[in-house]
Amino acid sequence: VSNMISKYFNGELLSQGTLKNDLIDSCLLAIKNYQIVMNN
């Protein structure tokens, strides 16, 4: 990922609004579930 950003966008991402897709949903769910199991 770092190589592709460096290669395709000269190493910089510019804000283009809130990201919404299945992987983002998985990411937000991972944060929540991580806290649940670590609290246990």
PDB file of all heavy atoms in Angstrom:
ATOM      1  N   VAL A   1       0.831  -1.211   0.000  1.00  0.00           N
ATOM      2  CA  VAL A   1       0.000   0.000   0.000  1.00  0.00           C
ATOM      3  C   VAL A   1       0.863   1.257   0.000  1.00  0.00           C
ATOM      4  O   VAL A   1       0.632   2.192  -0.781  1.00  0.00           O
ATOM      5  CB  VAL A   1      -0.976  -0.004   1.199  1.00  0.00           C
ATOM      6  CG1 VAL A   1      -1.721   1.331   1.291  1.00  0.00           C
ATOM      7  CG2 VAL A   1      -1.967  -1.159   1.061  1.00  0.00           C
ATOM      8  N   SER A   2       1.885   1.304   0.834  1.00  0.00           N
ATOM      9  CA  SER A   2       2.747   2.504   0.876  1.00  0.00           C
ATOM     10  C   SER A   2       3.483   2.675  -0.458  1.00  0.00           C
ATOM     11  O   SER A   2       3.655   3.805  -0.940  1.00  0.00           O
ATOM     12  CB  SER A   2       3.733   2.412   2.049  1.00  0.00           C
ATOM     13  OG  SER A   2       4.549   1.268   1.936  1.00  0.00           O
ATOM     14  N   ASN A   3       3.894   1.559  -1.057  1.00  0.00           N
ATOM     15  CA  ASN A   3       4.571   1.641  -2.358  1.00  0.00           C
ATOM     16  C   ASN A   3       3.647   2.188  -3.437  1.00  0.00           C
ATOM     17  O   ASN A   3       4.062   3.018  -4.273  1.00  0.00           O
ATOM     18  CB  ASN A   3       5.079   0.258  -2.782  1.00  0.00           C
ATOM     19  CG  ASN A   3       6.320  -0.156  -2.008  1.00  0.00           C
ATOM     20  OD1 ASN A   3       6.913   0.651  -1.289  1.00  0.00           O
ATOM     21  ND2 ASN A   3       6.704  -1.414  -2.136  1.00  0.00           N
ATOM     22  N   MET A   4       2.386   1.726  -3.443  1.00  0.00           N
ATOM     23  CA  MET A   4       1.452   2.196  -4.473  1.00  0.00           C
ATOM     24  C   MET A   4       1.093   3.665  -4.293  1.00  0.00           C
ATOM     25  O   MET A   4       0.972   4.408  -5.278  1.00  0.00           O
ATOM     26  CB  MET A   4       0.191   1.323  -4.480  1.00  0.00           C
ATOM     27  CG  MET A   4       0.414  -0.050  -5.101  1.00  0.00           C
ATOM     28  SD  MET A   4      -1.091  -1.012  -5.358  1.00  0.00           S
ATOM     29  CE  MET A   4      -1.492  -1.497  -3.685  1.00  0.00           C
ATOM     30  N   ILE A   5       0.939   4.107  -3.053  1.00  0.00           N
ATOM     31  CA  ILE A   5       0.638   5.533  -2.820  1.00  0.00           C
ATOM     32  C   ILE A   5       1.821   6.383  -3.249  1.00  0.00           C
ATOM     33  O   ILE A   5       1.669   7.435  -3.878  1.00  0.00           O
ATOM     34  CB  ILE A   5       0.292   5.785  -1.334  1.00  0.00           C
ATOM     35  CG1 ILE A   5      -1.004   5.067  -0.958  1.00  0.00           C
ATOM     36  CG2 ILE A   5       0.138   7.282  -1.059  1.00  0.00           C
ATOM     37  CD1 ILE A   5      -1.329   5.077   0.525  1.00  0.00           C
ATOM     38  N   SER A   6       3.023   5.905  -2.942  1.00  0.00           N
ATOM     39  CA  SER A   6       4.233   6.620  -3.336  1.00  0.00           C
ATOM     40  C   SER A   6       4.353   6.692  -4.865  1.00  0.00           C
ATOM     41  O   SER A   6       4.675   7.751  -5.431  1.00  0.00           O
ATOM     42  CB  SER A   6       5.454   5.912  -2.743  1.00  0.00           C
ATOM     43  OG  SER A   6       6.644   6.556  -3.108  1.00  0.00           O
ATOM     44  N   LYS A   7       4.038   5.590  -5.503  1.00  0.00           N
ATOM     45  CA  LYS A   7       4.187   5.494  -6.963  1.00  0.00           C
ATOM     46  C   LYS A   7       3.079   6.234  -7.718  1.00  0.00           C
ATOM     47  O   LYS A   7       3.336   6.985  -8.664  1.00  0.00           O
ATOM     48  CB  LYS A   7       4.187   4.020  -7.357  1.00  0.00           C
ATOM     49  CG  LYS A   7       4.383   3.750  -8.837  1.00  0.00           C
ATOM     50  CD  LYS A   7       4.420   2.248  -9.081  1.00  0.00           C
ATOM     51  CE  LYS A   7       4.573   1.927 -10.573  1.00  0.00           C
ATOM     52  NZ  LYS A   7       4.581   0.458 -10.799  1.00  0.00           N
ATOM     53  N   TYR A   8       1.822   6.050  -7.288  1.00  0.00           N
ATOM     54  CA  TYR A   8       0.692   6.574  -8.060  1.00  0.00           C
ATOM     55  C   TYR A   8       0.281   7.993  -7.687  1.00  0.00           C
ATOM     56  O   TYR A   8      -0.290   8.711  -8.509  1.00  0.00           O
ATOM     57  CB  TYR A   8      -0.522   5.646  -7.900  1.00  0.00           C
ATOM     58  CG  TYR A   8      -0.311   4.228  -8.368  1.00  0.00           C
ATOM     59  CD1 TYR A   8      -0.991   3.169  -7.774  1.00  0.00           C
ATOM     60  CD2 TYR A   8       0.576   3.924  -9.411  1.00  0.00           C
ATOM     61  CE1 TYR A   8      -0.807   1.860  -8.195  1.00  0.00           C
ATOM     62  CE2 TYR A   8       0.773   2.611  -9.833  1.00  0.00           C
ATOM     63  CZ  TYR A   8       0.083   1.589  -9.227  1.00  0.00           C
ATOM     64  OH  TYR A   8       0.264   0.296  -9.653  1.00  0.00           O
ATOM     65  N   PHE A   9       0.560   8.402  -6.429  1.00  0.00           N
ATOM     66  CA  PHE A   9       0.123   9.736  -5.996  1.00  0.00           C
ATOM     67  C   PHE A   9       1.258  10.559  -5.396  1.00  0.00           C
ATOM     68  O   PHE A   9       1.018  11.461  -4.595  1.00  0.00           O
ATOM     69  CB  PHE A   9      -1.029   9.599  -4.982  1.00  0.00           C
ATOM     70  CG  PHE A   9      -2.313   9.104  -5.604  1.00  0.00           C
ATOM     71  CD1 PHE A   9      -2.685   7.771  -5.485  1.00  0.00           C
ATOM     72  CD2 PHE A   9      -3.119   9.948  -6.352  1.00  0.00           C
ATOM     73  CE1 PHE A   9      -3.844   7.292  -6.076  1.00  0.00           C
ATOM     74  CE2 PHE A   9      -4.288   9.487  -6.938  1.00  0.00           C
ATOM     75  CZ  PHE A   9      -4.654   8.156  -6.804  1.00  0.00           C
ATOM     76  N   ASN A  10       2.471  10.205  -5.790  1.00  0.00           N
ATOM     77  CA  ASN A  10       3.634  10.948  -5.336  1.00  0.00           C
ATOM     78  C   ASN A  10       3.705  11.032  -3.808  1.00  0.00           C
ATOM     79  O   ASN A  10       4.123  12.039  -3.240  1.00  0.00           O
ATOM     80  CB  ASN A  10       3.635  12.365  -5.945  1.00  0.00           C
ATOM     81  CG  ASN A  10       5.014  12.994  -5.872  1.00  0.00           C
ATOM     82  OD1 ASN A  10       6.029  12.311  -5.847  1.00  0.00           O
ATOM     83  ND2 ASN A  10       5.048  14.324  -5.778  1.00  0.00           N
ATOM     84  N   GLY A  11       3.206   9.970  -3.151  1.00  0.00           N
ATOM     85  CA  GLY A  11       3.338   9.868  -1.695  1.00  0.00           C
ATOM     86  C   GLY A  11       2.404  10.732  -0.894  1.00  0.00           C
ATOM     87  O   GLY A  11       2.694  11.028   0.275  1.00  0.00           O
ATOM     88  N   GLU A  12       1.271  11.133  -1.467  1.00  0.00           N
ATOM     89  CA  GLU A  12       0.348  11.969  -0.677  1.00  0.00           C
ATOM     90  C   GLU A  12      -1.093  11.747  -1.118  1.00  0.00           C
ATOM     91  O   GLU A  12      -1.428  11.808  -2.295  1.00  0.00           O
ATOM     92  CB  GLU A  12       0.701  13.454  -0.818  1.00  0.00           C
ATOM     93  CG  GLU A  12      -0.062  14.340   0.143  1.00  0.00           C
ATOM     94  CD  GLU A  12       0.447  15.778   0.142  1.00  0.00           C
ATOM     95  OE1 GLU A  12       1.344  16.091  -0.671  1.00  0.00           O
ATOM     96  OE2 GLU A  12      -0.061  16.572   0.946  1.00  0.00           O
ATOM     97  N   LEU A  13      -1.960  11.475  -0.122  1.00  0.00           N
ATOM     98  CA  LEU A  13      -3.388  11.337  -0.376  1.00  0.00           C
ATOM     99  C   LEU A  13      -4.080  12.634   0.029  1.00  0.00           C
ATOM    100  O   LEU A  13      -3.782  13.197   1.081  1.00  0.00           O
ATOM    101  CB  LEU A  13      -3.968  10.177   0.446  1.00  0.00           C
ATOM    102  CG  LEU A  13      -3.422   8.782   0.131  1.00  0.00           C
ATOM    103  CD1 LEU A  13      -3.885   7.786   1.184  1.00  0.00           C
ATOM    104  CD2 LEU A  13      -3.857   8.327  -1.258  1.00  0.00           C
ATOM    105  N   LEU A  14      -4.999  13.099  -0.811  1.00  0.00           N
ATOM    106  CA  LEU A  14      -5.736  14.333  -0.539  1.00  0.00           C
ATOM    107  C   LEU A  14      -7.164  13.985  -0.140  1.00  0.00           C
ATOM    108  O   LEU A  14      -7.777  13.084  -0.718  1.00  0.00           O
ATOM    109  CB  LEU A  14      -5.746  15.235  -1.774  1.00  0.00           C
ATOM    110  CG  LEU A  14      -4.360  15.609  -2.330  1.00  0.00           C
ATOM    111  CD1 LEU A  14      -4.495  16.403  -3.616  1.00  0.00           C
ATOM    112  CD2 LEU A  14      -3.560  16.401  -1.292  1.00  0.00           C
ATOM    113  N   SER A  15      -7.677  14.687   0.853  1.00  0.00           N
ATOM    114  CA  SER A  15      -9.009  14.380   1.369  1.00  0.00           C
ATOM    115  C   SER A  15     -10.072  14.526   0.288  1.00  0.00           C
ATOM    116  O   SER A  15     -10.119  15.531  -0.429  1.00  0.00           O
ATOM    117  CB  SER A  15      -9.344  15.307   2.540  1.00  0.00           C
ATOM    118  OG  SER A  15     -10.623  15.006   3.038  1.00  0.00           O
ATOM    119  N   GLN A  16     -10.911  13.512   0.175  1.00  0.00           N
ATOM    120  CA  GLN A  16     -11.999  13.551  -0.815  1.00  0.00           C
ATOM    121  C   GLN A  16     -13.309  13.102  -0.175  1.00  0.00           C
ATOM    122  O   GLN A  16     -14.117  12.410  -0.782  1.00  0.00           O
ATOM    123  CB  GLN A  16     -11.663  12.653  -2.016  1.00  0.00           C
ATOM    124  CG  GLN A  16     -10.493  13.176  -2.835  1.00  0.00           C
ATOM    125  CD  GLN A  16     -10.201  12.306  -4.048  1.00  0.00           C
ATOM    126  OE1 GLN A  16     -10.781  11.249  -4.224  1.00  0.00           O
ATOM    127  NE2 GLN A  16      -9.292  12.771  -4.899  1.00  0.00           N
ATOM    128  N   GLY A  17     -13.494  13.465   1.100  1.00  0.00           N
ATOM    129  CA  GLY A  17     -14.737  13.114   1.783  1.00  0.00           C
ATOM    130  C   GLY A  17     -14.628  11.800   2.535  1.00  0.00           C
ATOM    131  O   GLY A  17     -13.626  11.081   2.454  1.00  0.00           O
ATOM    132  N   THR A  18     -15.692  11.447   3.238  1.00  0.00           N
ATOM    133  CA  THR A  18     -15.714  10.238   4.059  1.00  0.00           C
ATOM    134  C   THR A  18     -15.782   8.984   3.196  1.00  0.00           C
ATOM    135  O   THR A  18     -16.581   8.907   2.267  1.00  0.00           O
ATOM    136  CB  THR A  18     -16.928  10.260   5.013  1.00  0.00           C
ATOM    137  OG1 THR A  18     -16.872  11.449   5.814  1.00  0.00           O
ATOM    138  CG2 THR A  18     -16.915   9.046   5.931  1.00  0.00           C
ATOM    139  N   LEU A  19     -14.922   8.026   3.535  1.00  0.00           N
ATOM    140  CA  LEU A  19     -14.893   6.759   2.806  1.00  0.00           C
ATOM    141  C   LEU A  19     -16.015   5.846   3.306  1.00  0.00           C
ATOM    142  O   LEU A  19     -16.217   5.687   4.508  1.00  0.00           O
ATOM    143  CB  LEU A  19     -13.549   6.062   3.027  1.00  0.00           C
ATOM    144  CG  LEU A  19     -12.301   6.827   2.570  1.00  0.00           C
ATOM    145  CD1 LEU A  19     -11.057   6.200   3.183  1.00  0.00           C
ATOM    146  CD2 LEU A  19     -12.204   6.843   1.057  1.00  0.00           C
ATOM    147  N   LYS A  20     -16.742   5.259   2.354  1.00  0.00           N
ATOM    148  CA  LYS A  20     -17.820   4.340   2.715  1.00  0.00           C
ATOM    149  C   LYS A  20     -17.768   3.135   1.788  1.00  0.00           C
ATOM    150  O   LYS A  20     -18.007   3.258   0.594  1.00  0.00           O
ATOM    151  CB  LYS A  20     -19.182   5.025   2.608  1.00  0.00           C
ATOM    152  CG  LYS A  20     -19.418   6.113   3.655  1.00  0.00           C
ATOM    153  CD  LYS A  20     -20.794   6.732   3.514  1.00  0.00           C
ATOM    154  CE  LYS A  20     -21.007   7.821   4.557  1.00  0.00           C
ATOM    155  NZ  LYS A  20     -22.340   8.465   4.407  1.00  0.00           N
ATOM    156  N   ASN A  21     -17.423   1.987   2.340  1.00  0.00           N
ATOM    157  CA  ASN A  21     -17.422   0.735   1.584  1.00  0.00           C
ATOM    158  C   ASN A  21     -17.355  -0.435   2.562  1.00  0.00           C
ATOM    159  O   ASN A  21     -17.277  -0.241   3.778  1.00  0.00           O
ATOM    160  CB  ASN A  21     -16.268   0.691   0.567  1.00  0.00           C
ATOM    161  CG  ASN A  21     -14.919   0.938   1.221  1.00  0.00           C
ATOM    162  OD1 ASN A  21     -14.545   0.254   2.168  1.00  0.00           O
ATOM    163  ND2 ASN A  21     -14.185   1.935   0.725  1.00  0.00           N
ATOM    164  N   ASP A  22     -17.417  -1.638   2.048  1.00  0.00           N
ATOM    165  CA  ASP A  22     -17.462  -2.821   2.918  1.00  0.00           C
ATOM    166  C   ASP A  22     -16.218  -2.959   3.788  1.00  0.00           C
ATOM    167  O   ASP A  22     -16.298  -3.389   4.941  1.00  0.00           O
ATOM    168  CB  ASP A  22     -17.634  -4.093   2.069  1.00  0.00           C
ATOM    169  CG  ASP A  22     -19.030  -4.203   1.477  1.00  0.00           C
ATOM    170  OD1 ASP A  22     -19.912  -3.433   1.916  1.00  0.00           O
ATOM    171  OD2 ASP A  22     -19.229  -5.043   0.569  1.00  0.00           O
ATOM    172  N   LEU A  23     -15.055  -2.605   3.229  1.00  0.00           N
ATOM    173  CA  LEU A  23     -13.822  -2.739   4.011  1.00  0.00           C
ATOM    174  C   LEU A  23     -13.804  -1.728   5.159  1.00  0.00           C
ATOM    175  O   LEU A  23     -13.354  -2.045   6.263  1.00  0.00           O
ATOM    176  CB  LEU A  23     -12.593  -2.572   3.115  1.00  0.00           C
ATOM    177  CG  LEU A  23     -11.234  -2.836   3.793  1.00  0.00           C
ATOM    178  CD1 LEU A  23     -11.192  -4.219   4.445  1.00  0.00           C
ATOM    179  CD2 LEU A  23     -10.086  -2.695   2.800  1.00  0.00           C
ATOM    180  N   ILE A  24     -14.291  -0.535   4.917  1.00  0.00           N
ATOM    181  CA  ILE A  24     -14.397   0.468   5.988  1.00  0.00           C
ATOM    182  C   ILE A  24     -15.356  -0.030   7.066  1.00  0.00           C
ATOM    183  O   ILE A  24     -15.078   0.088   8.268  1.00  0.00           O
ATOM    184  CB  ILE A  24     -14.866   1.833   5.428  1.00  0.00           C
ATOM    185  CG1 ILE A  24     -13.777   2.456   4.546  1.00  0.00           C
ATOM    186  CG2 ILE A  24     -15.248   2.780   6.573  1.00  0.00           C
ATOM    187  CD1 ILE A  24     -12.515   2.877   5.276  1.00  0.00           C
ATOM    188  N   ASP A  25     -16.469  -0.615   6.650  1.00  0.00           N
ATOM    189  CA  ASP A  25     -17.420  -1.182   7.622  1.00  0.00           C
ATOM    190  C   ASP A  25     -16.748  -2.266   8.460  1.00  0.00           C
ATOM    191  O   ASP A  25     -16.929  -2.337   9.682  1.00  0.00           O
ATOM    192  CB  ASP A  25     -18.639  -1.775   6.895  1.00  0.00           C
ATOM    193  CG  ASP A  25     -19.525  -0.707   6.279  1.00  0.00           C
ATOM    194  OD1 ASP A  25     -19.386   0.467   6.668  1.00  0.00           O
ATOM    195  OD2 ASP A  25     -20.348  -1.048   5.406  1.00  0.00           O
ATOM    196  N   SER A  26     -15.976  -3.124   7.805  1.00  0.00           N
ATOM    197  CA  SER A  26     -15.241  -4.184   8.516  1.00  0.00           C
ATOM    198  C   SER A  26     -14.245  -3.594   9.507  1.00  0.00           C
ATOM    199  O   SER A  26     -14.043  -4.125  10.611  1.00  0.00           O
ATOM    200  CB  SER A  26     -14.486  -5.078   7.519  1.00  0.00           C
ATOM    201  OG  SER A  26     -15.376  -5.802   6.725  1.00  0.00           O
ATOM    202  N   CYS A  27     -13.641  -2.501   9.117  1.00  0.00           N
ATOM    203  CA  CYS A  27     -12.644  -1.820   9.942  1.00  0.00           C
ATOM    204  C   CYS A  27     -13.287  -1.260  11.216  1.00  0.00           C
ATOM    205  O   CYS A  27     -12.775  -1.457  12.327  1.00  0.00           O
ATOM    206  CB  CYS A  27     -12.002  -0.697   9.127  1.00  0.00           C
ATOM    207  SG  CYS A  27     -10.552   0.007   9.892  1.00  0.00           S
ATOM    208  N   LEU A  28     -14.414  -0.594  11.064  1.00  0.00           N
ATOM    209  CA  LEU A  28     -15.103  -0.002  12.211  1.00  0.00           C
ATOM    210  C   LEU A  28     -15.631  -1.091  13.144  1.00  0.00           C
ATOM    211  O   LEU A  28     -15.590  -0.948  14.369  1.00  0.00           O
ATOM    212  CB  LEU A  28     -16.245   0.904  11.735  1.00  0.00           C
ATOM    213  CG  LEU A  28     -15.804   2.109  10.881  1.00  0.00           C
ATOM    214  CD1 LEU A  28     -17.015   2.887  10.394  1.00  0.00           C
ATOM    215  CD2 LEU A  28     -14.859   3.020  11.667  1.00  0.00           C
ATOM    216  N   LEU A  29     -16.095  -2.190  12.562  1.00  0.00           N
ATOM    217  CA  LEU A  29     -16.562  -3.315  13.372  1.00  0.00           C
ATOM    218  C   LEU A  29     -15.394  -3.970  14.117  1.00  0.00           C
ATOM    219  O   LEU A  29     -15.541  -4.382  15.271  1.00  0.00           O
ATOM    220  CB  LEU A  29     -17.256  -4.350  12.473  1.00  0.00           C
ATOM    221  CG  LEU A  29     -17.893  -5.547  13.194  1.00  0.00           C
ATOM    222  CD1 LEU A  29     -19.005  -5.078  14.140  1.00  0.00           C
ATOM    223  CD2 LEU A  29     -18.438  -6.548  12.174  1.00  0.00           C
ATOM    224  N   ALA A  30     -14.238  -4.026  13.471  1.00  0.00           N
ATOM    225  CA  ALA A  30     -13.043  -4.598  14.106  1.00  0.00           C
ATOM    226  C   ALA A  30     -12.650  -3.803  15.352  1.00  0.00           C
ATOM    227  O   ALA A  30     -12.286  -4.391  16.382  1.00  0.00           O
ATOM    228  CB  ALA A  30     -11.885  -4.638  13.114  1.00  0.00           C
ATOM    229  N   ILE A  31     -12.719  -2.475  15.269  1.00  0.00           N
ATOM    230  CA  ILE A  31     -12.387  -1.625  16.427  1.00  0.00           C
ATOM    231  C   ILE A  31     -13.310  -1.958  17.593  1.00  0.00           C
ATOM    232  O   ILE A  31     -12.868  -2.148  18.737  1.00  0.00           O
ATOM    233  CB  ILE A  31     -12.499  -0.127  16.067  1.00  0.00           C
ATOM    234  CG1 ILE A  31     -11.484   0.249  14.986  1.00  0.00           C
ATOM    235  CG2 ILE A  31     -12.298   0.742  17.309  1.00  0.00           C
ATOM    236  CD1 ILE A  31     -11.692   1.637  14.390  1.00  0.00           C
ATOM    237  N   LYS A  32     -14.591  -2.054  17.293  1.00  0.00           N
ATOM    238  CA  LYS A  32     -15.596  -2.339  18.324  1.00  0.00           C
ATOM    239  C   LYS A  32     -15.387  -3.724  18.936  1.00  0.00           C
ATOM    240  O   LYS A  32     -15.355  -3.879  20.165  1.00  0.00           O
ATOM    241  CB  LYS A  32     -16.992  -2.242  17.697  1.00  0.00           C
ATOM    242  CG  LYS A  32     -18.130  -2.493  18.660  1.00  0.00           C
ATOM    243  CD  LYS A  32     -19.468  -2.398  17.927  1.00  0.00           C
ATOM    244  CE  LYS A  32     -20.622  -2.776  18.852  1.00  0.00           C
ATOM    245  NZ  LYS A  32     -21.917  -2.753  18.120  1.00  0.00           N
ATOM    246  N   ASN A  33     -15.211  -4.735  18.097  1.00  0.00           N
ATOM    247  CA  ASN A  33     -15.049  -6.107  18.590  1.00  0.00           C
ATOM    248  C   ASN A  33     -13.737  -6.304  19.330  1.00  0.00           C
ATOM    249  O   ASN A  33     -13.657  -7.075  20.292  1.00  0.00           O
ATOM    250  CB  ASN A  33     -15.160  -7.103  17.430  1.00  0.00           C
ATOM    251  CG  ASN A  33     -16.579  -7.211  16.915  1.00  0.00           C
ATOM    252  OD1 ASN A  33     -17.528  -6.875  17.625  1.00  0.00           O
ATOM    253  ND2 ASN A  33     -16.749  -7.671  15.684  1.00  0.00           N
ATOM    254  N   TYR A  34     -12.697  -5.622  18.873  1.00  0.00           N
ATOM    255  CA  TYR A  34     -11.392  -5.669  19.547  1.00  0.00           C
ATOM    256  C   TYR A  34     -11.543  -5.204  20.996  1.00  0.00           C
ATOM    257  O   TYR A  34     -11.028  -5.846  21.921  1.00  0.00           O
ATOM    258  CB  TYR A  34     -10.409  -4.776  18.792  1.00  0.00           C
ATOM    259  CG  TYR A  34      -9.062  -4.564  19.443  1.00  0.00           C
ATOM    260  CD1 TYR A  34      -7.975  -5.365  19.107  1.00  0.00           C
ATOM    261  CD2 TYR A  34      -8.855  -3.539  20.376  1.00  0.00           C
ATOM    262  CE1 TYR A  34      -6.721  -5.159  19.685  1.00  0.00           C
ATOM    263  CE2 TYR A  34      -7.611  -3.323  20.958  1.00  0.00           C
ATOM    264  CZ  TYR A  34      -6.554  -4.134  20.613  1.00  0.00           C
ATOM    265  OH  TYR A  34      -5.315  -3.914  21.186  1.00  0.00           O
ATOM    266  N   GLN A  35     -12.243  -4.101  21.201  1.00  0.00           N
ATOM    267  CA  GLN A  35     -12.432  -3.591  22.558  1.00  0.00           C
ATOM    268  C   GLN A  35     -13.244  -4.554  23.415  1.00  0.00           C
ATOM    269  O   GLN A  35     -12.941  -4.749  24.595  1.00  0.00           O
ATOM    270  CB  GLN A  35     -13.105  -2.215  22.522  1.00  0.00           C
ATOM    271  CG  GLN A  35     -12.179  -1.111  22.020  1.00  0.00           C
ATOM    272  CD  GLN A  35     -12.837   0.252  22.136  1.00  0.00           C
ATOM    273  OE1 GLN A  35     -13.580   0.656  21.252  1.00  0.00           O
ATOM    274  NE2 GLN A  35     -12.583   0.948  23.223  1.00  0.00           N
ATOM    275  N   ILE A  36     -14.256  -5.166  22.822  1.00  0.00           N
ATOM    276  CA  ILE A  36     -15.088  -6.113  23.575  1.00  0.00           C
ATOM    277  C   ILE A  36     -14.238  -7.278  24.089  1.00  0.00           C
ATOM    278  O   ILE A  36     -14.292  -7.626  25.274  1.00  0.00           O
ATOM    279  CB  ILE A  36     -16.248  -6.645  22.701  1.00  0.00           C
ATOM    280  CG1 ILE A  36     -17.267  -5.522  22.441  1.00  0.00           C
ATOM    281  CG2 ILE A  36     -16.929  -7.838  23.369  1.00  0.00           C
ATOM    282  CD1 ILE A  36     -18.320  -5.876  21.397  1.00  0.00           C
ATOM    283  N   VAL A  37     -13.435  -7.884  23.210  1.00  0.00           N
ATOM    284  CA  VAL A  37     -12.658  -9.055  23.640  1.00  0.00           C
ATOM    285  C   VAL A  37     -11.489  -8.665  24.543  1.00  0.00           C
ATOM    286  O   VAL A  37     -11.149  -9.406  25.471  1.00  0.00           O
ATOM    287  CB  VAL A  37     -12.182  -9.919  22.443  1.00  0.00           C
ATOM    288  CG1 VAL A  37     -13.370 -10.493  21.692  1.00  0.00           C
ATOM    289  CG2 VAL A  37     -11.272  -9.159  21.514  1.00  0.00           C
ATOM    290  N   MET A  38     -10.884  -7.520  24.309  1.00  0.00           N
ATOM    291  CA  MET A  38      -9.803  -7.085  25.205  1.00  0.00           C
ATOM    292  C   MET A  38     -10.343  -6.751  26.590  1.00  0.00           C
ATOM    293  O   MET A  38      -9.665  -6.980  27.600  1.00  0.00           O
ATOM    294  CB  MET A  38      -9.053  -5.893  24.610  1.00  0.00           C
ATOM    295  CG  MET A  38      -8.078  -6.269  23.515  1.00  0.00           C
ATOM    296  SD  MET A  38      -6.694  -7.310  24.075  1.00  0.00           S
ATOM    297  CE  MET A  38      -5.514  -6.062  24.596  1.00  0.00           C
ATOM    298  N   ASN A  39     -11.553  -6.225  26.662  1.00  0.00           N
ATOM    299  CA  ASN A  39     -12.167  -5.969  27.969  1.00  0.00           C
ATOM    300  C   ASN A  39     -12.454  -7.270  28.704  1.00  0.00           C
ATOM    301  O   ASN A  39     -12.597  -7.281  29.926  1.00  0.00           O
ATOM    302  CB  ASN A  39     -13.459  -5.156  27.804  1.00  0.00           C
ATOM    303  CG  ASN A  39     -13.175  -3.704  27.448  1.00  0.00           C
ATOM    304  OD1 ASN A  39     -12.086  -3.197  27.703  1.00  0.00           O
ATOM    305  ND2 ASN A  39     -14.136  -3.033  26.851  1.00  0.00           N
ATOM    306  N   ASN A  40     -12.517  -8.370  27.955  1.00  0.00           N
ATOM    307  CA  ASN A  40     -12.661  -9.700  28.556  1.00  0.00           C
ATOM    308  C   ASN A  40     -11.319 -10.431  28.656  1.00  0.00           C
ATOM    309  O   ASN A  40     -11.281 -11.640  28.907  1.00  0.00           O
ATOM    310  CB  ASN A  40     -13.644 -10.541  27.736  1.00  0.00           C
ATOM    311  CG  ASN A  40     -15.074 -10.089  27.940  1.00  0.00           C
ATOM    312  OD1 ASN A  40     -15.479  -9.774  29.049  1.00  0.00           O
ATOM    313  ND2 ASN A  40     -15.848 -10.027  26.871  1.00  0.00           N
TER     314      ASN A  40
END
